[in-house]
Amino acid sequence: MAELTYRDAVARGIAQEMARDPDVIFFGEDVAKAGGVFKATVGLYEQFGPRRVRDTPISEQAIMGAAMGAAMTGLKPIAEIMFSDFFAVCFDYIANEFPKSRYMSNGQLKCPLVVRTGNGAGSRFGAQHSQSVENWCMMIPGLKVVAPSNPRDVIGLMAAAVRDPDPVIFFEHKSLYPTKGEVPDGEIVDTLGSAKILRPGRDATILALALMVPRALAAAEKLAPLGIDCEVIDVRSLVPLDTRAILGSVSRTHRLFTVEENPRLCGWGAEIVSIVADEAFYDLDGPPVRITTPHVPLPAADILEDMILPTVERIAETVRRALSS
């Protein structure tokens, strides 16, 4: 068992899969000798060499086109888009090309690729470099979407993503890169579509993703002395979605709260609330509550950025008020 940072876990997860399978390649802007702009890929170039770890031009469309071509011809590329906001530059590949290749070729073509990207706010990058865009990808049939919250899950979900026969969007939260966690020795492989109950509870279910997971856990601890026992679930995978775990939890606690960093309009929590309303309406003792970022651009000023993101205090107070009404 070792303690790793989230950023070091990214490099270990990629290295695990590259060492296992010679068809796995990795490329993106400044990912090779420089080790990535967030220093999440340090050492890969030295370990695997320039044929398998390559820097690319500053062109998101070129990166995505190369990834698709490589995948269609038998390789298993991992491609980096530096900031998830830049998906807007290459969205044709993400929305129209990757996810539809298997369907439109009647199964003759596969597109086994991973697009990993820095996602989310809290690092003072401003409106064009701080968005949480997982809901952009969640809506597209044919894409799988994951967002780990801790170093161990970074490795396990990366392995699952690389080994999957379909395109996977892998969201790494920028503000989690320096955080640390214990990681077991040896190979780690998870299953896409599996949520984790991180804190069992009886009074309310709190669903969270990525940076919001440690905040939800801290809020649950803050509520415990008040006699409110919250179950906290790390969703981890938006597509496939672990509806069994979510519905099972709601059937036990009878209350649902989602904690979402994405803007409120069309966020992933809205889809989950819809599913719970369809499948577990009579298990609910009150309306589901979504705790989100407001529908505004992300400010660069630290005090304003911190104000609009869901905080431990806002999560705890929202749950307390809802359960006391």
C-alpha atoms as a PDB file:
ATOM      1  CA  MET A   1       0.000   0.000   0.000  1.00  0.00           C
ATOM      2  CA  ALA A   2       1.394   3.387  -1.023  1.00  0.00           C
ATOM      3  CA  GLU A   3       0.153   6.951  -0.694  1.00  0.00           C
ATOM      4  CA  LEU A   4      -0.094   8.671  -4.067  1.00  0.00           C
ATOM      5  CA  THR A   5      -1.330  12.000  -5.266  1.00  0.00           C
ATOM      6  CA  TYR A   6      -4.191  12.043  -7.745  1.00  0.00           C
ATOM      7  CA  ARG A   7      -1.807  13.332 -10.451  1.00  0.00           C
ATOM      8  CA  ASP A   8       0.703  10.562  -9.780  1.00  0.00           C
ATOM      9  CA  ALA A   9      -2.117   8.029  -9.956  1.00  0.00           C
ATOM     10  CA  VAL A  10      -2.909   9.223 -13.484  1.00  0.00           C
ATOM     11  CA  ALA A  11       0.628   8.373 -14.601  1.00  0.00           C
ATOM     12  CA  ARG A  12       0.555   5.048 -12.779  1.00  0.00           C
ATOM     13  CA  GLY A  13      -2.794   4.114 -14.309  1.00  0.00           C
ATOM     14  CA  ILE A  14      -1.609   4.869 -17.831  1.00  0.00           C
ATOM     15  CA  ALA A  15       1.701   3.081 -17.229  1.00  0.00           C
ATOM     16  CA  GLN A  16      -0.105  -0.001 -15.910  1.00  0.00           C
ATOM     17  CA  GLU A  17      -2.070  -0.332 -19.141  1.00  0.00           C
ATOM     18  CA  MET A  18       0.835   0.534 -21.452  1.00  0.00           C
ATOM     19  CA  ALA A  19       3.018  -2.091 -19.782  1.00  0.00           C
ATOM     20  CA  ARG A  20       0.242  -4.682 -20.079  1.00  0.00           C
ATOM     21  CA  ASP A  21      -0.678  -4.044 -23.716  1.00  0.00           C
ATOM     22  CA  PRO A  22       1.782  -2.857 -26.396  1.00  0.00           C
ATOM     23  CA  ASP A  23      -1.127  -1.552 -28.485  1.00  0.00           C
ATOM     24  CA  VAL A  24      -1.848   1.180 -25.916  1.00  0.00           C
ATOM     25  CA  ILE A  25      -0.382   4.522 -27.007  1.00  0.00           C
ATOM     26  CA  PHE A  26      -0.606   7.980 -25.454  1.00  0.00           C
ATOM     27  CA  PHE A  27      -0.452  11.442 -26.962  1.00  0.00           C
ATOM     28  CA  GLY A  28      -1.498  15.057 -26.450  1.00  0.00           C
ATOM     29  CA  GLU A  29      -0.133  18.568 -26.047  1.00  0.00           C
ATOM     30  CA  ASP A  30       3.078  18.655 -23.962  1.00  0.00           C
ATOM     31  CA  VAL A  31       2.419  15.238 -22.427  1.00  0.00           C
ATOM     32  CA  ALA A  32       5.767  13.636 -23.313  1.00  0.00           C
ATOM     33  CA  LYS A  33       9.038  15.232 -22.180  1.00  0.00           C
ATOM     34  CA  ALA A  34       7.242  17.987 -20.248  1.00  0.00           C
ATOM     35  CA  GLY A  35       5.036  15.498 -18.393  1.00  0.00           C
ATOM     36  CA  GLY A  36       1.829  17.409 -19.057  1.00  0.00           C
ATOM     37  CA  VAL A  37       0.742  20.909 -18.116  1.00  0.00           C
ATOM     38  CA  PHE A  38      -0.606  19.523 -14.811  1.00  0.00           C
ATOM     39  CA  LYS A  39       2.415  17.201 -14.388  1.00  0.00           C
ATOM     40  CA  ALA A  40       0.101  14.190 -14.457  1.00  0.00           C
ATOM     41  CA  THR A  41       2.099  12.212 -17.039  1.00  0.00           C
ATOM     42  CA  VAL A  42       5.632  12.611 -15.727  1.00  0.00           C
ATOM     43  CA  GLY A  43       7.887   9.638 -16.508  1.00  0.00           C
ATOM     44  CA  LEU A  44       5.792   8.022 -19.233  1.00  0.00           C
ATOM     45  CA  TYR A  45       7.988   9.285 -22.063  1.00  0.00           C
ATOM     46  CA  GLU A  46      11.117   7.983 -20.346  1.00  0.00           C
ATOM     47  CA  GLN A  47       9.492   4.613 -19.626  1.00  0.00           C
ATOM     48  CA  PHE A  48       7.819   3.911 -22.959  1.00  0.00           C
ATOM     49  CA  GLY A  49       9.723   6.043 -25.463  1.00  0.00           C
ATOM     50  CA  PRO A  50       8.803   8.383 -28.312  1.00  0.00           C
ATOM     51  CA  ARG A  51       6.980   5.789 -30.426  1.00  0.00           C
ATOM     52  CA  ARG A  52       4.263   5.287 -27.784  1.00  0.00           C
ATOM     53  CA  VAL A  53       4.239   8.636 -25.944  1.00  0.00           C
ATOM     54  CA  ARG A  54       4.019  11.606 -28.294  1.00  0.00           C
ATOM     55  CA  ASP A  55       3.525  15.345 -28.196  1.00  0.00           C
ATOM     56  CA  THR A  56       1.031  16.765 -30.677  1.00  0.00           C
ATOM     57  CA  PRO A  57       0.435  20.129 -32.319  1.00  0.00           C
ATOM     58  CA  ILE A  58      -1.898  22.544 -30.542  1.00  0.00           C
ATOM     59  CA  SER A  59      -4.947  21.271 -32.387  1.00  0.00           C
ATOM     60  CA  GLU A  60      -7.720  19.476 -30.552  1.00  0.00           C
ATOM     61  CA  GLN A  61      -9.269  18.359 -33.833  1.00  0.00           C
ATOM     62  CA  ALA A  62      -5.978  16.810 -34.945  1.00  0.00           C
ATOM     63  CA  ILE A  63      -5.610  14.991 -31.616  1.00  0.00           C
ATOM     64  CA  MET A  64      -9.121  13.558 -31.814  1.00  0.00           C
ATOM     65  CA  GLY A  65      -8.746  12.625 -35.490  1.00  0.00           C
ATOM     66  CA  ALA A  66      -5.478  10.824 -34.809  1.00  0.00           C
ATOM     67  CA  ALA A  67      -7.045   8.989 -31.862  1.00  0.00           C
ATOM     68  CA  MET A  68      -9.975   7.798 -33.931  1.00  0.00           C
ATOM     69  CA  GLY A  69      -7.775   6.682 -36.813  1.00  0.00           C
ATOM     70  CA  ALA A  70      -5.474   4.802 -34.455  1.00  0.00           C
ATOM     71  CA  ALA A  71      -8.402   3.093 -32.728  1.00  0.00           C
ATOM     72  CA  MET A  72     -10.019   2.045 -35.996  1.00  0.00           C
ATOM     73  CA  THR A  73      -6.798   0.411 -37.166  1.00  0.00           C
ATOM     74  CA  GLY A  74      -6.239  -1.707 -34.061  1.00  0.00           C
ATOM     75  CA  LEU A  75      -4.421   0.470 -31.530  1.00  0.00           C
ATOM     76  CA  LYS A  76      -5.815   1.578 -28.166  1.00  0.00           C
ATOM     77  CA  PRO A  77      -5.042   5.277 -27.881  1.00  0.00           C
ATOM     78  CA  ILE A  78      -5.268   7.429 -24.794  1.00  0.00           C
ATOM     79  CA  ALA A  79      -5.525  11.043 -25.967  1.00  0.00           C
ATOM     80  CA  GLU A  80      -5.354  14.114 -23.768  1.00  0.00           C
ATOM     81  CA  ILE A  81      -7.384  17.274 -24.238  1.00  0.00           C
ATOM     82  CA  MET A  82      -5.715  19.662 -21.826  1.00  0.00           C
ATOM     83  CA  PHE A  83      -8.854  21.427 -20.563  1.00  0.00           C
ATOM     84  CA  SER A  84     -12.309  19.884 -20.917  1.00  0.00           C
ATOM     85  CA  ASP A  85     -13.622  23.280 -22.058  1.00  0.00           C
ATOM     86  CA  PHE A  86     -11.704  22.648 -25.304  1.00  0.00           C
ATOM     87  CA  PHE A  87     -14.117  19.840 -26.165  1.00  0.00           C
ATOM     88  CA  ALA A  88     -16.075  22.633 -27.824  1.00  0.00           C
ATOM     89  CA  VAL A  89     -13.276  22.902 -30.409  1.00  0.00           C
ATOM     90  CA  CYS A  90     -13.396  19.210 -31.368  1.00  0.00           C
ATOM     91  CA  PHE A  91     -16.961  18.277 -30.493  1.00  0.00           C
ATOM     92  CA  ASP A  92     -17.709  16.866 -33.932  1.00  0.00           C
ATOM     93  CA  TYR A  93     -15.416  13.918 -33.180  1.00  0.00           C
ATOM     94  CA  ILE A  94     -16.785  13.495 -29.651  1.00  0.00           C
ATOM     95  CA  ALA A  95     -20.453  13.760 -30.619  1.00  0.00           C
ATOM     96  CA  ASN A  96     -20.606  12.510 -34.213  1.00  0.00           C
ATOM     97  CA  GLU A  97     -17.606  10.334 -34.981  1.00  0.00           C
ATOM     98  CA  PHE A  98     -16.362   8.273 -32.000  1.00  0.00           C
ATOM     99  CA  PRO A  99     -19.698   7.147 -30.612  1.00  0.00           C
ATOM    100  CA  LYS A 100     -21.335   6.291 -33.936  1.00  0.00           C
ATOM    101  CA  SER A 101     -18.576   4.337 -35.681  1.00  0.00           C
ATOM    102  CA  ARG A 102     -19.614   0.908 -34.365  1.00  0.00           C
ATOM    103  CA  TYR A 103     -23.304   1.557 -35.121  1.00  0.00           C
ATOM    104  CA  MET A 104     -22.796   3.006 -38.599  1.00  0.00           C
ATOM    105  CA  SER A 105     -20.398   0.214 -39.631  1.00  0.00           C
ATOM    106  CA  ASN A 106     -22.746  -2.511 -38.360  1.00  0.00           C
ATOM    107  CA  GLY A 107     -20.093  -3.590 -35.881  1.00  0.00           C
ATOM    108  CA  GLN A 108     -17.288  -3.843 -38.411  1.00  0.00           C
ATOM    109  CA  LEU A 109     -15.381  -0.970 -36.786  1.00  0.00           C
ATOM    110  CA  LYS A 110     -14.571  -0.492 -33.125  1.00  0.00           C
ATOM    111  CA  CYS A 111     -13.356   2.692 -31.519  1.00  0.00           C
ATOM    112  CA  PRO A 112     -11.551   1.618 -28.316  1.00  0.00           C
ATOM    113  CA  LEU A 113     -10.101   4.932 -27.197  1.00  0.00           C
ATOM    114  CA  VAL A 114      -9.894   7.025 -24.046  1.00  0.00           C
ATOM    115  CA  VAL A 115     -10.030  10.814 -24.007  1.00  0.00           C
ATOM    116  CA  ARG A 116      -8.689  12.083 -20.695  1.00  0.00           C
ATOM    117  CA  THR A 117      -9.067  15.721 -19.756  1.00  0.00           C
ATOM    118  CA  GLY A 118      -8.721  18.242 -16.924  1.00  0.00           C
ATOM    119  CA  ASN A 119     -12.205  19.179 -15.748  1.00  0.00           C
ATOM    120  CA  GLY A 120     -13.775  21.447 -13.163  1.00  0.00           C
ATOM    121  CA  ALA A 121     -13.272  24.623 -11.173  1.00  0.00           C
ATOM    122  CA  GLY A 122     -11.493  25.746  -8.025  1.00  0.00           C
ATOM    123  CA  SER A 123      -8.097  26.467  -9.583  1.00  0.00           C
ATOM    124  CA  ARG A 124      -8.613  30.091 -10.709  1.00  0.00           C
ATOM    125  CA  PHE A 125      -8.542  29.454 -14.455  1.00  0.00           C
ATOM    126  CA  GLY A 126     -11.608  31.549 -15.255  1.00  0.00           C
ATOM    127  CA  ALA A 127     -14.719  31.059 -17.365  1.00  0.00           C
ATOM    128  CA  GLN A 128     -13.119  29.305 -20.362  1.00  0.00           C
ATOM    129  CA  HIS A 129     -10.895  26.881 -18.446  1.00  0.00           C
ATOM    130  CA  SER A 130     -12.917  25.923 -15.355  1.00  0.00           C
ATOM    131  CA  GLN A 131     -16.144  24.337 -16.513  1.00  0.00           C
ATOM    132  CA  SER A 132     -17.514  20.950 -15.507  1.00  0.00           C
ATOM    133  CA  VAL A 133     -18.708  19.544 -18.821  1.00  0.00           C
ATOM    134  CA  GLU A 134     -19.437  15.922 -17.980  1.00  0.00           C
ATOM    135  CA  ASN A 135     -23.099  16.520 -18.824  1.00  0.00           C
ATOM    136  CA  TRP A 136     -22.055  17.574 -22.374  1.00  0.00           C
ATOM    137  CA  CYS A 137     -20.800  14.041 -22.936  1.00  0.00           C
ATOM    138  CA  MET A 138     -23.343  12.155 -20.851  1.00  0.00           C
ATOM    139  CA  MET A 139     -26.085  13.019 -23.334  1.00  0.00           C
ATOM    140  CA  ILE A 140     -24.375  11.390 -26.347  1.00  0.00           C
ATOM    141  CA  PRO A 141     -25.365   7.785 -27.156  1.00  0.00           C
ATOM    142  CA  GLY A 142     -22.292   5.603 -27.608  1.00  0.00           C
ATOM    143  CA  LEU A 143     -19.971   7.397 -25.181  1.00  0.00           C
ATOM    144  CA  LYS A 144     -19.025   6.167 -21.736  1.00  0.00           C
ATOM    145  CA  VAL A 145     -18.281   8.804 -19.109  1.00  0.00           C
ATOM    146  CA  VAL A 146     -16.325   8.459 -15.852  1.00  0.00           C
ATOM    147  CA  ALA A 147     -14.977  10.891 -13.255  1.00  0.00           C
ATOM    148  CA  PRO A 148     -12.858   9.496 -10.388  1.00  0.00           C
ATOM    149  CA  SER A 149     -12.630  11.281  -7.051  1.00  0.00           C
ATOM    150  CA  ASN A 150      -9.508   9.674  -5.547  1.00  0.00           C
ATOM    151  CA  PRO A 151      -6.136   8.210  -6.605  1.00  0.00           C
ATOM    152  CA  ARG A 152      -7.137   4.561  -6.271  1.00  0.00           C
ATOM    153  CA  ASP A 153     -10.171   5.024  -8.500  1.00  0.00           C
ATOM    154  CA  VAL A 154      -8.103   6.954 -11.056  1.00  0.00           C
ATOM    155  CA  ILE A 155      -6.046   3.811 -11.650  1.00  0.00           C
ATOM    156  CA  GLY A 156      -8.904   1.333 -11.540  1.00  0.00           C
ATOM    157  CA  LEU A 157     -11.213   3.325 -13.784  1.00  0.00           C
ATOM    158  CA  MET A 158      -8.390   4.123 -16.219  1.00  0.00           C
ATOM    159  CA  ALA A 159      -7.782   0.404 -16.605  1.00  0.00           C
ATOM    160  CA  ALA A 160     -11.467  -0.248 -17.168  1.00  0.00           C
ATOM    161  CA  ALA A 161     -11.642   2.582 -19.700  1.00  0.00           C
ATOM    162  CA  VAL A 162      -8.618   1.407 -21.703  1.00  0.00           C
ATOM    163  CA  ARG A 163      -9.893  -2.172 -21.810  1.00  0.00           C
ATOM    164  CA  ASP A 164     -13.391  -1.176 -22.909  1.00  0.00           C
ATOM    165  CA  PRO A 165     -14.203  -1.672 -26.618  1.00  0.00           C
ATOM    166  CA  ASP A 166     -15.997   1.679 -26.871  1.00  0.00           C
ATOM    167  CA  PRO A 167     -14.893   5.323 -26.498  1.00  0.00           C
ATOM    168  CA  VAL A 168     -14.610   6.526 -22.908  1.00  0.00           C
ATOM    169  CA  ILE A 169     -14.368  10.137 -21.733  1.00  0.00           C
ATOM    170  CA  PHE A 170     -12.217  10.250 -18.607  1.00  0.00           C
ATOM    171  CA  PHE A 171     -12.659  13.401 -16.539  1.00  0.00           C
ATOM    172  CA  GLU A 172      -9.851  14.249 -14.103  1.00  0.00           C
ATOM    173  CA  HIS A 173     -10.672  17.069 -11.729  1.00  0.00           C
ATOM    174  CA  LYS A 174      -7.959  19.723 -11.796  1.00  0.00           C
ATOM    175  CA  SER A 175      -8.440  20.674  -8.147  1.00  0.00           C
ATOM    176  CA  LEU A 176      -7.967  17.057  -7.070  1.00  0.00           C
ATOM    177  CA  TYR A 177      -4.521  16.626  -8.682  1.00  0.00           C
ATOM    178  CA  PRO A 178      -2.568  17.470  -5.474  1.00  0.00           C
ATOM    179  CA  THR A 179      -4.803  15.427  -3.145  1.00  0.00           C
ATOM    180  CA  LYS A 180      -3.483  12.164  -1.728  1.00  0.00           C
ATOM    181  CA  GLY A 181      -4.892   8.727  -1.026  1.00  0.00           C
ATOM    182  CA  GLU A 182      -3.793   5.183  -0.289  1.00  0.00           C
ATOM    183  CA  VAL A 183      -3.393   2.947  -3.314  1.00  0.00           C
ATOM    184  CA  PRO A 184      -2.870  -0.835  -3.138  1.00  0.00           C
ATOM    185  CA  ASP A 185       0.166  -2.421  -4.732  1.00  0.00           C
ATOM    186  CA  GLY A 186      -0.166  -4.405  -7.940  1.00  0.00           C
ATOM    187  CA  GLU A 187      -2.680  -4.202 -10.763  1.00  0.00           C
ATOM    188  CA  ILE A 188      -5.916  -2.324 -10.104  1.00  0.00           C
ATOM    189  CA  VAL A 189      -8.890  -2.783 -12.405  1.00  0.00           C
ATOM    190  CA  ASP A 190     -12.419  -1.490 -11.791  1.00  0.00           C
ATOM    191  CA  THR A 191     -15.698  -1.942 -13.623  1.00  0.00           C
ATOM    192  CA  LEU A 192     -17.351   0.903 -15.508  1.00  0.00           C
ATOM    193  CA  GLY A 193     -20.849   1.589 -14.254  1.00  0.00           C
ATOM    194  CA  SER A 194     -20.182   0.872 -10.583  1.00  0.00           C
ATOM    195  CA  ALA A 195     -20.853   3.455  -7.892  1.00  0.00           C
ATOM    196  CA  LYS A 196     -19.354   3.241  -4.400  1.00  0.00           C
ATOM    197  CA  ILE A 197     -21.068   3.752  -1.065  1.00  0.00           C
ATOM    198  CA  LEU A 198     -18.375   5.622   0.852  1.00  0.00           C
ATOM    199  CA  ARG A 199     -20.416   6.291   3.985  1.00  0.00           C
ATOM    200  CA  PRO A 200     -23.469   4.199   4.914  1.00  0.00           C
ATOM    201  CA  GLY A 201     -26.383   6.113   6.432  1.00  0.00           C
ATOM    202  CA  ARG A 202     -30.086   5.873   7.196  1.00  0.00           C
ATOM    203  CA  ASP A 203     -31.580   9.374   6.855  1.00  0.00           C
ATOM    204  CA  ALA A 204     -30.599  10.669   3.410  1.00  0.00           C
ATOM    205  CA  THR A 205     -28.728   9.655   0.256  1.00  0.00           C
ATOM    206  CA  ILE A 206     -26.168  12.159  -1.038  1.00  0.00           C
ATOM    207  CA  LEU A 207     -24.831  11.528  -4.552  1.00  0.00           C
ATOM    208  CA  ALA A 208     -21.624  13.294  -5.580  1.00  0.00           C
ATOM    209  CA  LEU A 209     -18.980  13.203  -8.299  1.00  0.00           C
ATOM    210  CA  ALA A 210     -15.261  14.086  -8.431  1.00  0.00           C
ATOM    211  CA  LEU A 211     -14.439  17.184  -6.313  1.00  0.00           C
ATOM    212  CA  MET A 212     -17.883  17.144  -4.742  1.00  0.00           C
ATOM    213  CA  VAL A 213     -17.276  13.711  -3.187  1.00  0.00           C
ATOM    214  CA  PRO A 214     -14.911  14.829  -0.382  1.00  0.00           C
ATOM    215  CA  ARG A 215     -17.164  17.825   0.207  1.00  0.00           C
ATOM    216  CA  ALA A 216     -20.230  15.590   0.522  1.00  0.00           C
ATOM    217  CA  LEU A 217     -18.361  13.340   2.965  1.00  0.00           C
ATOM    218  CA  ALA A 218     -17.302  16.341   5.050  1.00  0.00           C
ATOM    219  CA  ALA A 219     -20.884  17.624   5.058  1.00  0.00           C
ATOM    220  CA  ALA A 220     -22.134  14.233   6.245  1.00  0.00           C
ATOM    221  CA  GLU A 221     -19.671  14.330   9.133  1.00  0.00           C
ATOM    222  CA  LYS A 222     -20.838  17.839   9.964  1.00  0.00           C
ATOM    223  CA  LEU A 223     -24.455  16.642  10.105  1.00  0.00           C
ATOM    224  CA  ALA A 224     -23.772  13.555  12.219  1.00  0.00           C
ATOM    225  CA  PRO A 225     -23.637  15.401  15.578  1.00  0.00           C
ATOM    226  CA  LEU A 226     -27.078  16.839  14.748  1.00  0.00           C
ATOM    227  CA  GLY A 227     -28.484  13.327  14.539  1.00  0.00           C
ATOM    228  CA  ILE A 228     -28.649  13.287  10.720  1.00  0.00           C
ATOM    229  CA  ASP A 229     -27.055  10.131   9.325  1.00  0.00           C
ATOM    230  CA  CYS A 230     -26.276  10.524   5.604  1.00  0.00           C
ATOM    231  CA  GLU A 231     -25.310   7.868   3.108  1.00  0.00           C
ATOM    232  CA  VAL A 232     -22.724   9.248   0.657  1.00  0.00           C
ATOM    233  CA  ILE A 233     -22.325   7.642  -2.766  1.00  0.00           C
ATOM    234  CA  ASP A 234     -19.523   8.373  -5.200  1.00  0.00           C
ATOM    235  CA  VAL A 235     -21.290   8.041  -8.554  1.00  0.00           C
ATOM    236  CA  ARG A 236     -17.927   7.589 -10.364  1.00  0.00           C
ATOM    237  CA  SER A 237     -19.495   6.557 -13.668  1.00  0.00           C
ATOM    238  CA  LEU A 238     -22.245   8.574 -15.357  1.00  0.00           C
ATOM    239  CA  VAL A 239     -22.455   6.265 -18.375  1.00  0.00           C
ATOM    240  CA  PRO A 240     -23.044   3.454 -17.607  1.00  0.00           C
ATOM    241  CA  LEU A 241     -24.881   4.627 -14.472  1.00  0.00           C
ATOM    242  CA  ASP A 242     -25.200   2.381 -11.428  1.00  0.00           C
ATOM    243  CA  THR A 243     -28.940   2.775 -10.997  1.00  0.00           C
ATOM    244  CA  ARG A 244     -29.084  -0.340  -8.832  1.00  0.00           C
ATOM    245  CA  ALA A 245     -26.885   1.243  -6.152  1.00  0.00           C
ATOM    246  CA  ILE A 246     -28.681   4.591  -6.349  1.00  0.00           C
ATOM    247  CA  LEU A 247     -32.219   3.187  -6.194  1.00  0.00           C
ATOM    248  CA  GLY A 248     -31.227   0.739  -3.461  1.00  0.00           C
ATOM    249  CA  SER A 249     -29.885   3.573  -1.337  1.00  0.00           C
ATOM    250  CA  VAL A 250     -32.984   5.720  -1.838  1.00  0.00           C
ATOM    251  CA  SER A 251     -35.191   2.796  -0.859  1.00  0.00           C
ATOM    252  CA  ARG A 252     -33.329   2.660   2.476  1.00  0.00           C
ATOM    253  CA  THR A 253     -32.989   6.362   3.287  1.00  0.00           C
ATOM    254  CA  HIS A 254     -36.126   7.740   1.567  1.00  0.00           C
ATOM    255  CA  ARG A 255     -34.453  11.069   0.744  1.00  0.00           C
ATOM    256  CA  LEU A 256     -32.207  12.081  -2.178  1.00  0.00           C
ATOM    257  CA  PHE A 257     -29.708  14.920  -2.599  1.00  0.00           C
ATOM    258  CA  THR A 258     -27.371  15.392  -5.557  1.00  0.00           C
ATOM    259  CA  VAL A 259     -24.225  17.522  -5.309  1.00  0.00           C
ATOM    260  CA  GLU A 260     -23.204  18.742  -8.759  1.00  0.00           C
ATOM    261  CA  GLU A 261     -20.439  21.082  -9.850  1.00  0.00           C
ATOM    262  CA  ASN A 262     -21.929  21.486 -13.322  1.00  0.00           C
ATOM    263  CA  PRO A 263     -24.382  24.376 -13.870  1.00  0.00           C
ATOM    264  CA  ARG A 264     -27.892  23.642 -12.692  1.00  0.00           C
ATOM    265  CA  LEU A 265     -29.581  23.615 -16.122  1.00  0.00           C
ATOM    266  CA  CYS A 266     -29.477  20.079 -17.590  1.00  0.00           C
ATOM    267  CA  GLY A 267     -26.968  18.790 -15.017  1.00  0.00           C
ATOM    268  CA  TRP A 268     -26.413  15.071 -14.445  1.00  0.00           C
ATOM    269  CA  GLY A 269     -28.373  15.181 -11.220  1.00  0.00           C
ATOM    270  CA  ALA A 270     -31.520  16.111 -13.117  1.00  0.00           C
ATOM    271  CA  GLU A 271     -31.326  12.831 -15.032  1.00  0.00           C
ATOM    272  CA  ILE A 272     -30.850  10.856 -11.824  1.00  0.00           C
ATOM    273  CA  VAL A 273     -33.769  12.645 -10.168  1.00  0.00           C
ATOM    274  CA  SER A 274     -35.883  11.718 -13.193  1.00  0.00           C
ATOM    275  CA  ILE A 275     -34.880   8.058 -12.880  1.00  0.00           C
ATOM    276  CA  VAL A 276     -35.631   8.021  -9.149  1.00  0.00           C
ATOM    277  CA  ALA A 277     -39.012   9.673  -9.757  1.00  0.00           C
ATOM    278  CA  ASP A 278     -39.846   6.956 -12.289  1.00  0.00           C
ATOM    279  CA  GLU A 279     -38.482   3.971 -10.394  1.00  0.00           C
ATOM    280  CA  ALA A 280     -38.636   4.835  -6.688  1.00  0.00           C
ATOM    281  CA  PHE A 281     -41.249   7.574  -6.289  1.00  0.00           C
ATOM    282  CA  TYR A 282     -43.099   5.812  -3.482  1.00  0.00           C
ATOM    283  CA  ASP A 283     -39.879   5.277  -1.545  1.00  0.00           C
ATOM    284  CA  LEU A 284     -39.365   9.034  -1.221  1.00  0.00           C
ATOM    285  CA  ASP A 285     -40.473  10.901   1.899  1.00  0.00           C
ATOM    286  CA  GLY A 286     -39.760  14.274   0.311  1.00  0.00           C
ATOM    287  CA  PRO A 287     -38.803  15.858  -2.996  1.00  0.00           C
ATOM    288  CA  PRO A 288     -35.274  15.202  -4.317  1.00  0.00           C
ATOM    289  CA  VAL A 289     -33.000  18.196  -3.872  1.00  0.00           C
ATOM    290  CA  ARG A 290     -30.233  19.244  -6.278  1.00  0.00           C
ATOM    291  CA  ILE A 291     -27.282  21.222  -4.868  1.00  0.00           C
ATOM    292  CA  THR A 292     -25.503  22.768  -7.851  1.00  0.00           C
ATOM    293  CA  THR A 293     -23.419  25.587  -9.253  1.00  0.00           C
ATOM    294  CA  PRO A 294     -25.713  28.353 -10.546  1.00  0.00           C
ATOM    295  CA  HIS A 295     -26.193  28.809 -14.286  1.00  0.00           C
ATOM    296  CA  VAL A 296     -23.437  31.402 -14.697  1.00  0.00           C
ATOM    297  CA  PRO A 297     -19.937  31.536 -16.244  1.00  0.00           C
ATOM    298  CA  LEU A 298     -17.158  30.627 -13.817  1.00  0.00           C
ATOM    299  CA  PRO A 299     -15.486  33.731 -12.329  1.00  0.00           C
ATOM    300  CA  ALA A 300     -11.705  33.939 -12.009  1.00  0.00           C
ATOM    301  CA  ALA A 301     -11.775  35.922  -8.752  1.00  0.00           C
ATOM    302  CA  ASP A 302     -11.090  33.475  -5.937  1.00  0.00           C
ATOM    303  CA  ILE A 303     -13.797  34.715  -3.591  1.00  0.00           C
ATOM    304  CA  LEU A 304     -16.435  34.571  -6.331  1.00  0.00           C
ATOM    305  CA  GLU A 305     -15.350  31.161  -7.650  1.00  0.00           C
ATOM    306  CA  ASP A 306     -15.496  29.705  -4.145  1.00  0.00           C
ATOM    307  CA  MET A 307     -18.868  31.312  -3.549  1.00  0.00           C
ATOM    308  CA  ILE A 308     -20.697  29.719  -6.468  1.00  0.00           C
ATOM    309  CA  LEU A 309     -19.366  26.162  -6.083  1.00  0.00           C
ATOM    310  CA  PRO A 310     -21.216  23.862  -3.666  1.00  0.00           C
ATOM    311  CA  THR A 311     -19.383  24.068  -0.345  1.00  0.00           C
ATOM    312  CA  VAL A 312     -19.382  21.755   2.651  1.00  0.00           C
ATOM    313  CA  GLU A 313     -21.422  24.322   4.542  1.00  0.00           C
ATOM    314  CA  ARG A 314     -24.021  24.739   1.772  1.00  0.00           C
ATOM    315  CA  ILE A 315     -24.410  20.990   1.361  1.00  0.00           C
ATOM    316  CA  ALA A 316     -24.850  20.445   5.093  1.00  0.00           C
ATOM    317  CA  GLU A 317     -27.260  23.342   5.545  1.00  0.00           C
ATOM    318  CA  THR A 318     -29.364  22.315   2.542  1.00  0.00           C
ATOM    319  CA  VAL A 319     -29.722  18.762   3.855  1.00  0.00           C
ATOM    320  CA  ARG A 320     -30.463  20.002   7.397  1.00  0.00           C
ATOM    321  CA  ARG A 321     -33.185  22.398   6.249  1.00  0.00           C
ATOM    322  CA  ALA A 322     -34.806  19.817   3.972  1.00  0.00           C
ATOM    323  CA  LEU A 323     -34.938  17.144   6.662  1.00  0.00           C
ATOM    324  CA  SER A 324     -36.259  19.514   9.303  1.00  0.00           C
ATOM    325  CA  SER A 325     -39.108  20.895   7.202  1.00  0.00           C
END
